[in-house]
Amino acid sequence: MLIPYQMLETETLQRLLEDFVTRDGTDYGDQEIPTATKVEQVRNQLKKQEAFVVFDEVTESVSVMGKEQANEAVNS
């Protein structure tokens, strides 16, 4: 289920984005990028509808996904 990011409390969205960008396996290349910068990049992707907040009803978890991954998650 897609959750409009605008429906989330500001602090909740901030924590979700911080969790997302600091997860193991998140690779931003050779150059180290500050967490705050990564969060703003993902926030901009949400605004441009390049990324989405997705709630998985089976696992009762929420994540941020790119457009294709979100479409697959919602349509499966």
C-alpha atoms as a PDB file:
ATOM      1  CA  MET A   1       0.000   0.000   0.000  1.00  0.00           C
ATOM      2  CA  LEU A   2       1.409   3.385  -0.986  1.00  0.00           C
ATOM      3  CA  ILE A   3       1.363   5.969   1.782  1.00  0.00           C
ATOM      4  CA  PRO A   4       1.493   9.615   0.690  1.00  0.00           C
ATOM      5  CA  TYR A   5       4.567  10.990   2.445  1.00  0.00           C
ATOM      6  CA  GLN A   6       2.656  14.213   3.144  1.00  0.00           C
ATOM      7  CA  MET A   7       0.362  12.260   5.487  1.00  0.00           C
ATOM      8  CA  LEU A   8       3.250  11.418   7.807  1.00  0.00           C
ATOM      9  CA  GLU A   9       4.151  13.643  10.721  1.00  0.00           C
ATOM     10  CA  THR A  10       7.319  15.636   9.966  1.00  0.00           C
ATOM     11  CA  GLU A  11       9.327  13.862  12.672  1.00  0.00           C
ATOM     12  CA  THR A  12       8.078  10.420  11.581  1.00  0.00           C
ATOM     13  CA  LEU A  13       9.078  11.065   7.972  1.00  0.00           C
ATOM     14  CA  GLN A  14      12.483  12.362   9.082  1.00  0.00           C
ATOM     15  CA  ARG A  15      13.146   9.212  11.132  1.00  0.00           C
ATOM     16  CA  LEU A  16      11.954   6.956   8.316  1.00  0.00           C
ATOM     17  CA  LEU A  17      14.276   8.672   5.839  1.00  0.00           C
ATOM     18  CA  GLU A  18      17.213   8.574   8.256  1.00  0.00           C
ATOM     19  CA  ASP A  19      16.632   4.862   8.820  1.00  0.00           C
ATOM     20  CA  PHE A  20      16.402   4.251   5.083  1.00  0.00           C
ATOM     21  CA  VAL A  21      19.616   6.063   4.132  1.00  0.00           C
ATOM     22  CA  THR A  22      21.656   4.473   6.926  1.00  0.00           C
ATOM     23  CA  ARG A  23      20.630   0.858   6.292  1.00  0.00           C
ATOM     24  CA  ASP A  24      23.312  -1.693   5.516  1.00  0.00           C
ATOM     25  CA  GLY A  25      23.686  -2.188   1.805  1.00  0.00           C
ATOM     26  CA  THR A  26      22.845   1.399   0.907  1.00  0.00           C
ATOM     27  CA  ASP A  27      25.648   2.412  -1.429  1.00  0.00           C
ATOM     28  CA  TYR A  28      26.288   5.968  -2.518  1.00  0.00           C
ATOM     29  CA  GLY A  29      29.602   5.326  -4.292  1.00  0.00           C
ATOM     30  CA  ASP A  30      33.184   6.064  -3.327  1.00  0.00           C
ATOM     31  CA  GLN A  31      32.533   9.497  -1.873  1.00  0.00           C
ATOM     32  CA  GLU A  32      31.103   9.754   1.650  1.00  0.00           C
ATOM     33  CA  ILE A  33      27.901  11.817   1.733  1.00  0.00           C
ATOM     34  CA  PRO A  34      26.526  13.215   5.027  1.00  0.00           C
ATOM     35  CA  THR A  35      23.320  11.611   6.289  1.00  0.00           C
ATOM     36  CA  ALA A  36      21.463  14.942   6.137  1.00  0.00           C
ATOM     37  CA  THR A  37      22.325  15.267   2.444  1.00  0.00           C
ATOM     38  CA  LYS A  38      21.139  11.720   1.736  1.00  0.00           C
ATOM     39  CA  VAL A  39      17.875  12.415   3.566  1.00  0.00           C
ATOM     40  CA  GLU A  40      17.265  15.533   1.474  1.00  0.00           C
ATOM     41  CA  GLN A  41      18.016  13.614  -1.723  1.00  0.00           C
ATOM     42  CA  VAL A  42      15.418  10.975  -0.847  1.00  0.00           C
ATOM     43  CA  ARG A  43      12.928  13.636   0.284  1.00  0.00           C
ATOM     44  CA  ASN A  44      13.314  15.286  -3.142  1.00  0.00           C
ATOM     45  CA  GLN A  45      12.723  11.914  -4.822  1.00  0.00           C
ATOM     46  CA  LEU A  46       9.492  11.589  -2.845  1.00  0.00           C
ATOM     47  CA  LYS A  47       8.413  15.054  -3.960  1.00  0.00           C
ATOM     48  CA  LYS A  48       9.167  14.199  -7.607  1.00  0.00           C
ATOM     49  CA  GLN A  49       7.378  10.837  -7.253  1.00  0.00           C
ATOM     50  CA  GLU A  50      10.578   8.976  -8.072  1.00  0.00           C
ATOM     51  CA  ALA A  51      10.348   7.222  -4.685  1.00  0.00           C
ATOM     52  CA  PHE A  52       7.410   6.230  -2.498  1.00  0.00           C
ATOM     53  CA  VAL A  53       6.621   5.279   1.088  1.00  0.00           C
ATOM     54  CA  VAL A  54       5.250   1.729   1.023  1.00  0.00           C
ATOM     55  CA  PHE A  55       3.495  -0.141   3.831  1.00  0.00           C
ATOM     56  CA  ASP A  56       3.704  -3.937   3.653  1.00  0.00           C
ATOM     57  CA  GLU A  57       0.549  -5.348   5.247  1.00  0.00           C
ATOM     58  CA  VAL A  58       2.032  -8.850   5.581  1.00  0.00           C
ATOM     59  CA  THR A  59       5.109  -7.798   7.545  1.00  0.00           C
ATOM     60  CA  GLU A  60       3.482  -4.656   8.947  1.00  0.00           C
ATOM     61  CA  SER A  61       6.561  -2.676   7.982  1.00  0.00           C
ATOM     62  CA  VAL A  62       7.144   0.547   6.110  1.00  0.00           C
ATOM     63  CA  SER A  63       9.921   1.401   3.695  1.00  0.00           C
ATOM     64  CA  VAL A  64      10.959   3.788   0.964  1.00  0.00           C
ATOM     65  CA  MET A  65      11.123   2.313  -2.529  1.00  0.00           C
ATOM     66  CA  GLY A  66      11.913   3.497  -6.016  1.00  0.00           C
ATOM     67  CA  LYS A  67       9.041   3.754  -8.505  1.00  0.00           C
ATOM     68  CA  GLU A  68       9.528   0.308 -10.121  1.00  0.00           C
ATOM     69  CA  GLN A  69      10.061  -1.484  -6.812  1.00  0.00           C
ATOM     70  CA  ALA A  70       7.005   0.219  -5.301  1.00  0.00           C
ATOM     71  CA  ASN A  71       4.855  -0.742  -8.298  1.00  0.00           C
ATOM     72  CA  GLU A  72       5.955  -4.374  -7.925  1.00  0.00           C
ATOM     73  CA  ALA A  73       5.260  -4.351  -4.186  1.00  0.00           C
ATOM     74  CA  VAL A  74       1.793  -2.840  -4.600  1.00  0.00           C
ATOM     75  CA  ASN A  75       0.784  -5.059  -7.517  1.00  0.00           C
ATOM     76  CA  SER A  76       1.959  -8.373  -6.034  1.00  0.00           C
END
